[in-house]
Amino acid sequence: MTASARIGILNDVADFAGDEDQTRDLTFWIERECAALRASGRLEVAVEFVHAYGLGLPTGTAEALEGAFATLASAGACMVVGPSTGENALALMAMADRTHIPTLAPASSERARSPYMFQYQTGSDEEEGLVIARHLATLGARRIAAFHAMSPAGERHLRSLRAEAEVLGLDLTLVHALCPTGSDDEIGPALAALLESGAEGLAVLGPDMPVGVIAHALDLTAWDGARMTGTPGIRNWSGRDIAALQGWFHVSNHSDANRRLAAIVAETGSDPAGYEDMAAHLASGHDIGRLVAEALARTQGTNGEAVRRGLEQVRALPAAAGEDGTLLGFGPQDRGALHGRHLIVRQWRDGISHEFDGARDMLEA
């Protein structure tokens, strides 16, 4: 009988729904990459999936996450994929290490790395502020303001921005914390403070920030400074916000010039134009599926220790995320999957997110 590897899928955001677009389902990507390796004769073990749901932070609790992880462990998972946020990965890091179950978290905090917690960077709490500060400086904004999420992740983004602003000699004229929900009662005073600050650029930092609402409110003022947000901000808008977002810069994890991503778009028949999060899902789905399949193929492992060794052996694979040439892989002391320039500056123009032509020069130290 062929040995079987059970992969646990931990959903920490929303209950699992089988009617979603398959390209947003990680099992689709893992099965796709495993099938390719099986067809080439490299993968022998069968793959099964077990699912668990636990609503994580900030809406849910760490206890719910731990319960979901325990469910997967009891089901015999030799690897867990998830959770999907840095805060939730941090909450589960000790449990992954204690149970010796390698856990691959598509998350933004590099602090969520440990012997058994592997990170696939869907952004960077620690680096996006740096990218934003450099870009605003290159646009000529020497006085900048920051609206940041009132959360640990928002604080990490702010620290990154503040540290780079000091290096570049920028004046951080205003720092304003907002609740992720961003009610009109909060945004009004924040914009009034922005107008009085003399800032020439605005950074909107951290997860769940109401970027669309802020963009609409800014359009009602005479302020004409540069405005930019990070990877979390691009997910919190809707189609009605497109006009207000015109001219906004943002950090992303995908590049129009990445040949592997272009091939995936063609293979899946997807049309990510104008849908920033779709391109991000295609890139991360492919890369995570590839990491899981390669880890299994390199050791034919069906237990946690074998899969951990397999992940450590995955090196220098072409990534769909980041610039063309970004690589995937881990190592005995390396728990960050993406290597190379995986944070890309883009700008909303004509209703579509375009890669900014001068991004490479602007990100040079």
Protein backbone atom coordinates (compact mmCIF):
# COMPACT_ATOMS: atom_id res chain seq x y z
CA MET A 1 0.00 0.00 0.00
CA THR A 2 1.32 3.44 -0.95
CA ALA A 3 2.16 5.61 2.04
CA SER A 4 0.02 8.71 2.52
CA ALA A 5 0.93 12.20 3.72
CA ARG A 6 -1.83 14.15 5.43
CA ILE A 7 -1.67 17.89 4.87
CA GLY A 8 -3.62 20.05 7.29
CA ILE A 9 -5.23 23.23 5.96
CA LEU A 10 -5.84 25.72 8.77
CA ASN A 11 -8.31 28.47 7.91
CA ASP A 12 -8.08 31.32 10.39
CA VAL A 13 -10.10 33.97 8.54
CA ALA A 14 -13.40 32.59 7.25
CA ASP A 15 -15.18 29.28 7.33
CA PHE A 16 -14.25 27.00 4.44
CA ALA A 17 -16.59 27.20 1.46
CA GLY A 18 -16.34 24.71 -1.37
CA ASP A 19 -17.91 27.00 -3.97
CA GLU A 20 -15.08 29.52 -4.08
CA ASP A 21 -12.92 30.15 -7.12
CA GLN A 22 -10.58 27.14 -7.13
CA THR A 23 -7.52 29.33 -7.66
CA ARG A 24 -8.13 30.79 -4.19
CA ASP A 25 -8.16 27.32 -2.61
CA LEU A 26 -4.71 26.15 -1.49
CA THR A 27 -5.69 22.50 -1.95
CA PHE A 28 -6.06 23.22 -5.68
CA TRP A 29 -2.47 24.45 -5.91
CA ILE A 30 -1.00 21.70 -3.73
CA GLU A 31 -2.80 19.02 -5.75
CA ARG A 32 -1.69 20.69 -8.98
CA GLU A 33 1.99 20.72 -8.04
CA CYS A 34 1.88 17.23 -6.53
CA ALA A 35 0.32 15.89 -9.74
CA ALA A 36 3.12 17.43 -11.80
CA LEU A 37 5.81 15.80 -9.64
CA ARG A 38 3.96 12.49 -9.62
CA ALA A 39 3.75 12.54 -13.42
CA SER A 40 7.51 13.09 -13.61
CA GLY A 41 8.14 10.13 -11.26
CA ARG A 42 9.51 12.26 -8.41
CA LEU A 43 6.61 11.92 -5.96
CA GLU A 44 5.42 8.52 -4.75
CA VAL A 45 3.48 9.24 -1.57
CA ALA A 46 -0.26 9.84 -1.79
CA VAL A 47 -1.56 13.14 -0.43
CA GLU A 48 -4.68 13.61 1.69
CA PHE A 49 -6.12 16.81 3.11
CA VAL A 50 -7.69 17.55 6.45
CA HIS A 51 -9.29 20.93 7.18
CA ALA A 52 -9.86 22.87 10.37
CA TYR A 53 -11.31 26.30 11.05
CA GLY A 54 -10.53 28.59 13.94
CA LEU A 55 -11.33 32.31 13.75
CA GLY A 56 -8.08 34.02 14.60
CA LEU A 57 -6.98 37.43 15.74
CA PRO A 58 -8.03 40.19 15.78
CA THR A 59 -11.72 39.20 15.54
CA GLY A 60 -11.32 35.76 17.10
CA THR A 61 -9.00 34.27 19.70
CA ALA A 62 -5.70 32.45 20.06
CA GLU A 63 -7.62 29.64 21.76
CA ALA A 64 -9.70 29.10 18.62
CA LEU A 65 -6.50 28.84 16.57
CA GLU A 66 -4.97 26.36 18.99
CA GLY A 67 -8.14 24.28 18.87
CA ALA A 68 -8.02 24.14 15.09
CA PHE A 69 -4.33 23.20 15.13
CA ALA A 70 -5.02 20.47 17.70
CA THR A 71 -7.77 19.08 15.44
CA LEU A 72 -5.29 18.79 12.57
CA ALA A 73 -2.66 17.21 14.81
CA SER A 74 -5.18 14.64 16.08
CA ALA A 75 -6.11 13.86 12.47
CA GLY A 76 -2.50 12.86 11.78
CA ALA A 77 -1.37 15.90 9.78
CA CYS A 78 2.35 15.72 9.00
CA MET A 79 2.30 19.35 7.90
CA VAL A 80 0.00 22.34 8.37
CA VAL A 81 -0.52 25.13 5.84
CA GLY A 82 -1.80 28.26 7.56
CA PRO A 83 -2.60 30.48 9.36
CA SER A 84 -2.71 33.43 6.99
CA THR A 85 -1.71 36.41 9.17
CA GLY A 86 1.41 37.27 11.10
CA GLU A 87 -0.39 37.67 14.42
CA ASN A 88 -1.98 34.23 14.11
CA ALA A 89 1.30 32.61 13.06
CA LEU A 90 2.94 34.13 16.12
CA ALA A 91 0.14 32.74 18.29
CA LEU A 92 0.71 29.20 16.95
CA MET A 93 4.51 29.21 16.78
CA ALA A 94 5.05 27.55 20.18
CA MET A 95 2.43 24.88 19.41
CA ALA A 96 4.06 24.02 16.08
CA ASP A 97 7.42 23.64 17.82
CA ARG A 98 5.96 21.61 20.66
CA THR A 99 4.16 19.14 18.38
CA HIS A 100 7.00 18.98 15.83
CA ILE A 101 4.55 19.62 13.00
CA PRO A 102 6.12 21.82 10.29
CA THR A 103 3.77 24.73 9.62
CA LEU A 104 3.91 26.88 6.50
CA ALA A 105 2.26 30.22 7.19
CA PRO A 106 1.45 32.64 4.33
CA ALA A 107 2.02 35.62 6.61
CA SER A 108 3.65 39.04 6.71
CA SER A 109 5.68 38.93 9.93
CA GLU A 110 9.21 37.57 9.83
CA ARG A 111 9.01 37.25 13.62
CA ALA A 112 6.75 34.25 12.96
CA ARG A 113 9.66 31.92 12.22
CA SER A 114 10.94 29.10 14.39
CA PRO A 115 12.27 25.54 14.05
CA TYR A 116 8.84 24.33 12.87
CA MET A 117 7.21 27.58 11.70
CA PHE A 118 8.09 28.43 8.10
CA GLN A 119 7.00 31.73 6.54
CA TYR A 120 5.89 32.42 2.99
CA GLN A 121 6.03 36.21 2.81
CA THR A 122 2.71 37.66 1.65
CA GLY A 123 4.10 41.08 2.54
CA SER A 124 6.43 42.33 5.24
CA ASP A 125 5.58 44.10 8.49
CA GLU A 126 9.28 44.76 8.90
CA GLU A 127 10.18 46.03 5.40
CA GLU A 128 7.14 47.69 3.82
CA GLY A 129 7.55 50.88 5.84
CA LEU A 130 11.11 51.10 4.50
CA VAL A 131 9.91 50.68 0.91
CA ILE A 132 7.25 53.34 1.39
CA ALA A 133 9.64 55.84 2.99
CA ARG A 134 12.14 55.43 0.15
CA HIS A 135 9.49 55.77 -2.50
CA LEU A 136 7.91 58.89 -0.99
CA ALA A 137 11.37 60.43 -0.64
CA THR A 138 12.13 59.76 -4.30
CA LEU A 139 8.85 61.47 -5.23
CA GLY A 140 10.13 64.56 -3.43
CA ALA A 141 8.09 64.25 -0.22
CA ARG A 142 10.39 65.33 2.61
CA ARG A 143 7.59 65.83 5.16
CA ILE A 144 5.42 62.75 5.56
CA ALA A 145 2.43 61.72 7.63
CA ALA A 146 1.46 58.20 8.70
CA PHE A 147 -1.93 56.69 9.47
CA HIS A 148 -1.37 53.28 11.04
CA ALA A 149 -3.54 50.45 12.29
CA MET A 150 -4.00 50.33 16.04
CA SER A 151 -2.55 46.80 16.23
CA PRO A 152 0.82 45.08 16.77
CA ALA A 153 1.21 44.66 13.00
CA GLY A 154 0.40 48.33 12.44
CA GLU A 155 3.02 49.29 15.02
CA ARG A 156 5.63 47.14 13.25
CA HIS A 157 4.88 48.86 9.94
CA LEU A 158 5.21 52.24 11.65
CA ARG A 159 8.56 51.35 13.25
CA SER A 160 9.91 50.35 9.84
CA LEU A 161 8.74 53.64 8.30
CA ARG A 162 10.06 55.74 11.18
CA ALA A 163 13.51 54.10 11.15
CA GLU A 164 13.96 54.60 7.39
CA ALA A 165 12.63 58.16 7.56
CA GLU A 166 15.40 58.97 10.04
CA VAL A 167 18.02 57.44 7.75
CA LEU A 168 16.72 59.48 4.79
CA GLY A 169 16.35 62.70 6.77
CA LEU A 170 12.57 62.82 6.32
CA ASP A 171 10.39 64.72 8.75
CA LEU A 172 7.58 62.55 10.14
CA THR A 173 5.19 65.41 10.78
CA LEU A 174 2.15 63.36 11.88
CA VAL A 175 1.50 59.90 13.28
CA HIS A 176 -2.15 58.99 13.73
CA ALA A 177 -3.45 55.60 14.92
CA LEU A 178 -6.78 54.35 13.55
CA CYS A 179 -8.97 51.41 14.46
CA PRO A 180 -9.05 48.95 11.55
CA THR A 181 -12.77 49.66 11.01
CA GLY A 182 -11.99 53.34 10.44
CA SER A 183 -15.29 55.06 11.20
CA ASP A 184 -16.03 58.54 9.82
CA ASP A 185 -15.70 59.88 13.37
CA GLU A 186 -12.05 58.76 13.35
CA ILE A 187 -11.10 59.55 9.77
CA GLY A 188 -12.40 63.13 9.88
CA PRO A 189 -10.04 64.24 12.68
CA ALA A 190 -7.16 62.30 11.09
CA LEU A 191 -7.59 64.17 7.79
CA ALA A 192 -7.89 67.50 9.59
CA ALA A 193 -4.58 66.80 11.32
CA LEU A 194 -3.04 65.81 7.96
CA LEU A 195 -4.09 69.12 6.37
CA GLU A 196 -2.59 71.07 9.27
CA SER A 197 0.67 69.07 9.36
CA GLY A 198 2.22 70.41 6.18
CA ALA A 199 2.93 66.85 5.03
CA GLU A 200 3.83 66.28 1.39
CA GLY A 201 3.24 62.53 1.49
CA LEU A 202 0.93 60.11 3.31
CA ALA A 203 1.61 56.49 4.30
CA VAL A 204 -1.34 54.27 5.29
CA LEU A 205 0.10 51.35 7.22
CA GLY A 206 -1.02 48.00 8.59
CA PRO A 207 -3.77 45.40 8.08
CA ASP A 208 -7.47 46.15 7.66
CA MET A 209 -6.97 49.87 7.19
CA PRO A 210 -9.94 51.51 5.37
CA VAL A 211 -7.88 52.68 2.40
CA GLY A 212 -10.95 53.12 0.17
CA VAL A 213 -12.72 55.27 2.75
CA ILE A 214 -9.58 57.36 3.30
CA ALA A 215 -9.14 57.81 -0.46
CA HIS A 216 -12.71 59.07 -0.88
CA ALA A 217 -12.35 61.45 2.05
CA LEU A 218 -9.05 62.81 0.69
CA ASP A 219 -10.72 63.52 -2.65
CA LEU A 220 -13.02 65.96 -0.87
CA THR A 221 -10.04 68.04 0.31
CA ALA A 222 -7.52 70.22 -1.51
CA TRP A 223 -4.56 68.13 -0.30
CA ASP A 224 -2.47 67.01 -3.28
CA GLY A 225 0.42 65.13 -1.67
CA ALA A 226 1.69 61.68 -2.64
CA ARG A 227 -0.24 58.83 -1.06
CA MET A 228 0.86 55.24 -0.56
CA THR A 229 -0.16 52.08 1.27
CA GLY A 230 1.27 48.60 1.84
CA THR A 231 0.17 45.10 0.90
CA PRO A 232 -2.56 44.96 3.59
CA GLY A 233 -4.10 48.19 2.34
CA ILE A 234 -4.67 46.96 -1.20
CA ARG A 235 -7.05 44.28 0.06
CA ASN A 236 -9.45 46.65 1.79
CA TRP A 237 -11.21 48.38 -1.07
CA SER A 238 -14.07 47.70 -3.46
CA GLY A 239 -14.92 48.49 -7.07
CA ARG A 240 -16.58 51.75 -6.12
CA ASP A 241 -13.22 52.96 -4.74
CA ILE A 242 -11.35 52.73 -8.06
CA ALA A 243 -11.80 56.39 -9.01
CA ALA A 244 -10.69 57.61 -5.58
CA LEU A 245 -7.60 55.36 -5.67
CA GLN A 246 -6.28 56.87 -8.90
CA GLY A 247 -2.68 57.93 -8.43
CA TRP A 248 -2.20 55.99 -5.19
CA PHE A 249 1.01 53.98 -4.90
CA HIS A 250 1.05 50.66 -3.10
CA VAL A 251 3.39 47.81 -2.23
CA SER A 252 2.61 44.45 -3.78
CA ASN A 253 4.14 40.98 -3.99
CA HIS A 254 3.73 40.54 -7.73
CA SER A 255 5.39 41.89 -10.84
CA ASP A 256 4.01 42.16 -14.37
CA ALA A 257 7.43 41.04 -15.66
CA ASN A 258 7.52 37.76 -13.71
CA ARG A 259 7.50 35.08 -16.40
CA ARG A 260 6.34 32.29 -14.11
CA LEU A 261 3.35 34.33 -12.97
CA ALA A 262 2.54 35.17 -16.61
CA ALA A 263 2.56 31.45 -17.45
CA ILE A 264 0.22 30.69 -14.53
CA VAL A 265 -2.18 33.41 -15.63
CA ALA A 266 -2.24 31.84 -19.11
CA GLU A 267 -2.64 28.28 -17.81
CA THR A 268 -5.52 29.11 -15.47
CA GLY A 269 -7.28 31.47 -17.86
CA SER A 270 -7.34 34.14 -15.16
CA ASP A 271 -7.61 37.85 -15.85
CA PRO A 272 -5.98 39.71 -12.97
CA ALA A 273 -6.08 43.11 -14.69
CA GLY A 274 -7.65 45.55 -12.25
CA TYR A 275 -7.91 42.89 -9.52
CA GLU A 276 -4.77 43.31 -7.47
CA ASP A 277 -5.64 40.57 -4.99
CA MET A 278 -6.22 38.02 -7.79
CA ALA A 279 -2.65 38.32 -9.04
CA ALA A 280 -1.42 38.01 -5.45
CA HIS A 281 -3.51 34.85 -4.92
CA LEU A 282 -2.21 33.29 -8.14
CA ALA A 283 1.40 33.98 -7.18
CA SER A 284 1.15 32.81 -3.58
CA GLY A 285 -1.03 29.79 -4.44
CA HIS A 286 1.49 28.52 -6.98
CA ASP A 287 4.48 29.13 -4.71
CA ILE A 288 2.94 27.49 -1.64
CA GLY A 289 1.80 24.48 -3.67
CA ARG A 290 5.30 24.14 -5.09
CA LEU A 291 6.94 24.31 -1.65
CA VAL A 292 4.64 21.61 -0.23
CA ALA A 293 5.00 19.27 -3.21
CA GLU A 294 8.78 19.65 -3.35
CA ALA A 295 9.13 19.02 0.39
CA LEU A 296 7.19 15.76 0.05
CA ALA A 297 9.10 14.66 -3.05
CA ARG A 298 12.54 15.27 -1.56
CA THR A 299 12.05 12.88 1.38
CA GLN A 300 8.87 10.94 0.43
CA GLY A 301 7.99 11.80 4.02
CA THR A 302 4.72 11.10 5.80
CA ASN A 303 5.67 12.41 9.25
CA GLY A 304 6.55 15.82 10.58
CA GLU A 305 10.30 15.31 10.90
CA ALA A 306 10.63 14.05 7.34
CA VAL A 307 8.58 16.93 5.95
CA ARG A 308 10.62 19.46 7.94
CA ARG A 309 13.80 18.04 6.42
CA GLY A 310 12.14 18.15 3.01
CA LEU A 311 11.29 21.84 3.37
CA GLU A 312 14.88 22.58 4.38
CA GLN A 313 16.09 20.91 1.18
CA VAL A 314 13.96 23.07 -1.11
CA ARG A 315 16.31 25.62 -2.63
CA ALA A 316 16.41 28.23 -5.42
CA LEU A 317 13.14 27.43 -7.20
CA PRO A 318 11.68 30.15 -9.45
CA ALA A 319 8.94 32.03 -7.62
CA ALA A 320 5.76 33.47 -9.10
CA ALA A 321 5.88 36.24 -6.52
CA GLY A 322 8.18 39.22 -6.75
CA GLU A 323 10.35 40.36 -9.62
CA ASP A 324 11.35 37.87 -12.27
CA GLY A 325 14.27 35.98 -10.73
CA THR A 326 12.89 35.87 -7.18
CA LEU A 327 13.63 32.44 -5.70
CA LEU A 328 11.85 30.05 -3.33
CA GLY A 329 13.53 27.94 -0.70
CA PHE A 330 14.45 27.32 2.90
CA GLY A 331 17.44 25.90 4.79
CA PRO A 332 18.43 24.50 8.20
CA GLN A 333 18.49 28.05 9.62
CA ASP A 334 16.33 29.76 6.98
CA ARG A 335 12.58 29.96 7.48
CA GLY A 336 11.71 32.72 4.98
CA ALA A 337 10.63 31.35 1.59
CA LEU A 338 11.19 34.28 -0.78
CA HIS A 339 14.68 35.46 -1.69
CA GLY A 340 15.22 38.50 -3.85
CA ARG A 341 13.14 41.59 -4.57
CA HIS A 342 9.67 40.37 -3.64
CA LEU A 343 8.17 43.74 -2.67
CA ILE A 344 7.08 45.67 -5.76
CA VAL A 345 5.93 49.30 -6.03
CA ARG A 346 2.77 49.71 -8.10
CA GLN A 347 0.37 52.56 -8.86
CA TRP A 348 -3.35 52.74 -9.62
CA ARG A 349 -3.89 54.36 -13.04
CA ASP A 350 -6.93 54.16 -15.30
CA GLY A 351 -8.62 51.72 -12.95
CA ILE A 352 -5.74 49.22 -13.06
CA SER A 353 -2.75 48.59 -10.81
CA HIS A 354 0.43 49.10 -12.88
CA GLU A 355 3.97 48.27 -11.88
CA PHE A 356 5.74 51.61 -11.38
CA ASP A 357 8.46 52.06 -13.99
CA GLY A 358 10.96 53.68 -11.65
CA ALA A 359 10.51 51.22 -8.82
CA ARG A 360 13.90 49.51 -9.14
CA ASP A 361 15.88 52.76 -8.92
CA MET A 362 13.73 54.06 -6.09
CA LEU A 363 14.30 50.99 -3.91
CA GLU A 364 18.08 51.15 -4.13
CA ALA A 365 19.60 52.19 -0.85
